[in-house]
Each structure stands twice: as C-alpha cells, then as structure tokens.
Protein backbone atom coordinates (compact mmCIF):
# COMPACT_ATOMS: atom_id res chain seq x y z
CA MET A 1 -2.56 -15.73 157.74
CA GLY A 2 -1.98 -17.54 154.46
CA MET A 3 -5.49 -18.99 154.63
CA LEU A 4 -6.94 -15.47 154.94
CA VAL A 5 -4.93 -14.36 151.92
CA TRP A 6 -6.18 -17.31 149.86
CA ILE A 7 -9.81 -16.68 150.82
CA MET A 8 -9.50 -12.97 149.99
CA MET A 9 -7.93 -13.77 146.61
CA GLY A 10 -10.78 -16.18 145.83
CA LEU A 11 -13.24 -13.45 146.79
CA ALA A 12 -11.44 -10.94 144.57
CA ILE A 13 -11.48 -13.27 141.56
CA TRP A 14 -15.17 -14.03 142.23
CA HIS A 15 -16.07 -10.39 141.57
CA PHE A 16 -15.32 -10.93 137.86
CA THR A 17 -18.16 -13.45 137.54
CA VAL A 18 -20.63 -10.62 136.94
CA TRP A 19 -19.31 -10.42 133.37
CA PHE A 20 -20.55 -13.95 132.55
CA PRO A 21 -24.11 -15.25 132.15
CA ASP A 22 -25.63 -16.45 135.42
CA ARG A 23 -25.54 -20.17 134.72
CA TYR A 24 -23.64 -21.06 137.86
CA TRP A 25 -24.85 -24.01 139.90
CA GLY A 26 -26.39 -22.25 142.89
CA GLY A 27 -26.33 -18.85 141.23
CA ILE A 28 -23.89 -16.17 142.22
CA VAL A 29 -23.54 -17.66 145.71
CA GLY A 30 -22.52 -20.96 144.12
CA ALA A 31 -19.85 -19.10 142.18
CA LEU A 32 -18.62 -17.54 145.44
CA VAL A 33 -18.38 -20.93 147.12
CA GLY A 34 -16.63 -22.42 144.09
CA ALA A 35 -14.09 -19.58 143.98
CA VAL A 36 -13.25 -19.69 147.69
CA VAL A 37 -13.13 -23.49 148.01
CA GLY A 38 -11.12 -23.83 144.79
CA ALA A 39 -8.69 -21.11 145.82
CA VAL A 40 -8.02 -22.65 149.23
CA ALA A 41 -7.82 -26.24 147.98
CA ILE A 42 -5.40 -25.61 145.12
CA ALA A 43 -3.32 -23.14 147.14
CA ILE A 44 -2.85 -25.76 149.87
CA VAL A 45 -1.72 -28.30 147.28
CA ILE A 46 0.67 -25.82 145.68
CA ASN A 47 2.02 -24.71 149.04
CA PHE A 48 2.62 -28.26 150.25
CA ALA A 49 4.26 -29.27 146.95
CA VAL A 50 6.59 -26.27 146.80
CA HIS A 51 7.38 -25.57 150.44
CA GLY A 52 6.46 -28.83 152.14
CA TYR A 53 5.00 -27.32 155.29
CA ALA A 54 1.68 -26.16 156.69
CA VAL A 55 -0.29 -23.01 155.87
CA PRO A 56 2.01 -19.95 155.99
CA GLY A 57 1.86 -17.95 159.18
CA ARG A 58 1.97 -14.23 159.67
CA HIS A 59 5.70 -13.84 159.08
CA HIS A 60 5.84 -16.20 156.08
CA THR A 61 3.05 -14.61 154.03
CA ASP A 62 4.13 -12.61 150.99
CA LEU A 63 2.87 -11.70 147.51
CA ALA A 64 3.60 -15.17 146.15
CA THR A 65 1.23 -16.61 148.75
CA SER A 66 -1.66 -14.70 147.18
CA LEU A 67 -0.72 -15.80 143.67
CA ASP A 68 -1.07 -19.45 144.67
CA ALA A 69 -4.85 -19.01 144.97
CA ILE A 70 -5.54 -17.64 141.49
CA PRO A 71 -5.55 -20.94 139.54
CA GLY A 72 -7.73 -22.59 142.17
CA ALA A 73 -10.29 -19.80 142.12
CA LEU A 74 -10.53 -19.98 138.33
CA VAL A 75 -10.88 -23.77 138.39
CA GLY A 76 -13.51 -23.61 141.13
CA ILE A 77 -15.57 -21.04 139.23
CA ALA A 78 -15.29 -23.07 136.01
CA VAL A 79 -16.43 -26.27 137.74
CA VAL A 80 -19.48 -24.54 139.23
CA TYR A 81 -20.28 -22.86 135.90
CA PHE A 82 -20.10 -26.03 133.81
CA GLU A 83 -22.09 -27.98 136.40
CA GLY A 84 -24.78 -25.32 136.21
CA VAL A 85 -24.78 -25.51 132.42
CA ARG A 86 -24.96 -29.30 132.56
CA ARG A 87 -27.91 -29.25 134.96
CA SER A 88 -29.84 -26.76 132.81
CA LEU A 89 -29.61 -28.90 129.66
CA PRO A 90 -32.72 -30.90 128.81
CA ALA A 91 -32.57 -34.63 129.43
CA LEU A 92 -32.19 -36.90 126.41
CA ASP A 93 -35.06 -39.29 125.79
CA LEU A 94 -33.55 -42.49 124.47
C-alpha cells in the first residue's frame, strides 16, 4: 500500500510540470517517469533509513508515508529537466 501512495504522490507532483517550459528529456512523459521513479526510489531509502523495514503495508500507511515521496519526485523531475536542457545545448567545436 505504501508503494501505491508513493506512486500517487509522484503523479500528483508531476501535474505541476505544466508550469515550466517543456525541456524535459522525453517530453512530458519523461517528466512523469522521472517523478514516479524518483518518488519511489527516495521514499524507499527514507523508509528503510527511518523505520528499517520493507514497504509499509495497508495497516502501516499514514500521512507521513505520502510525505516521504515529495523530495524524490522533485529530484526526479529536476534530473529529467536538466538532462533535457543539457541535450538541447549545441555541441562545442574545439
């Protein structure tokens, strides 16, 4: 159940990408993948570091479980955005 919460939080944060220029690597779908993968990856790390056990089940999921995914979603979106910006820059001729 915790995994579902993390994925849904990544999806919710992803909706705010419409306010930024579309320079994401892979477009808006790339931003979606970055948000979801980042949210799940960082939330797993936070959950293991704080609680020391596996993904929370149905009876262990609370509001704090959803908050664990926010930093990961933001980092995932930023990585995809800056990779898209980097790939759109012209190559330097040395």
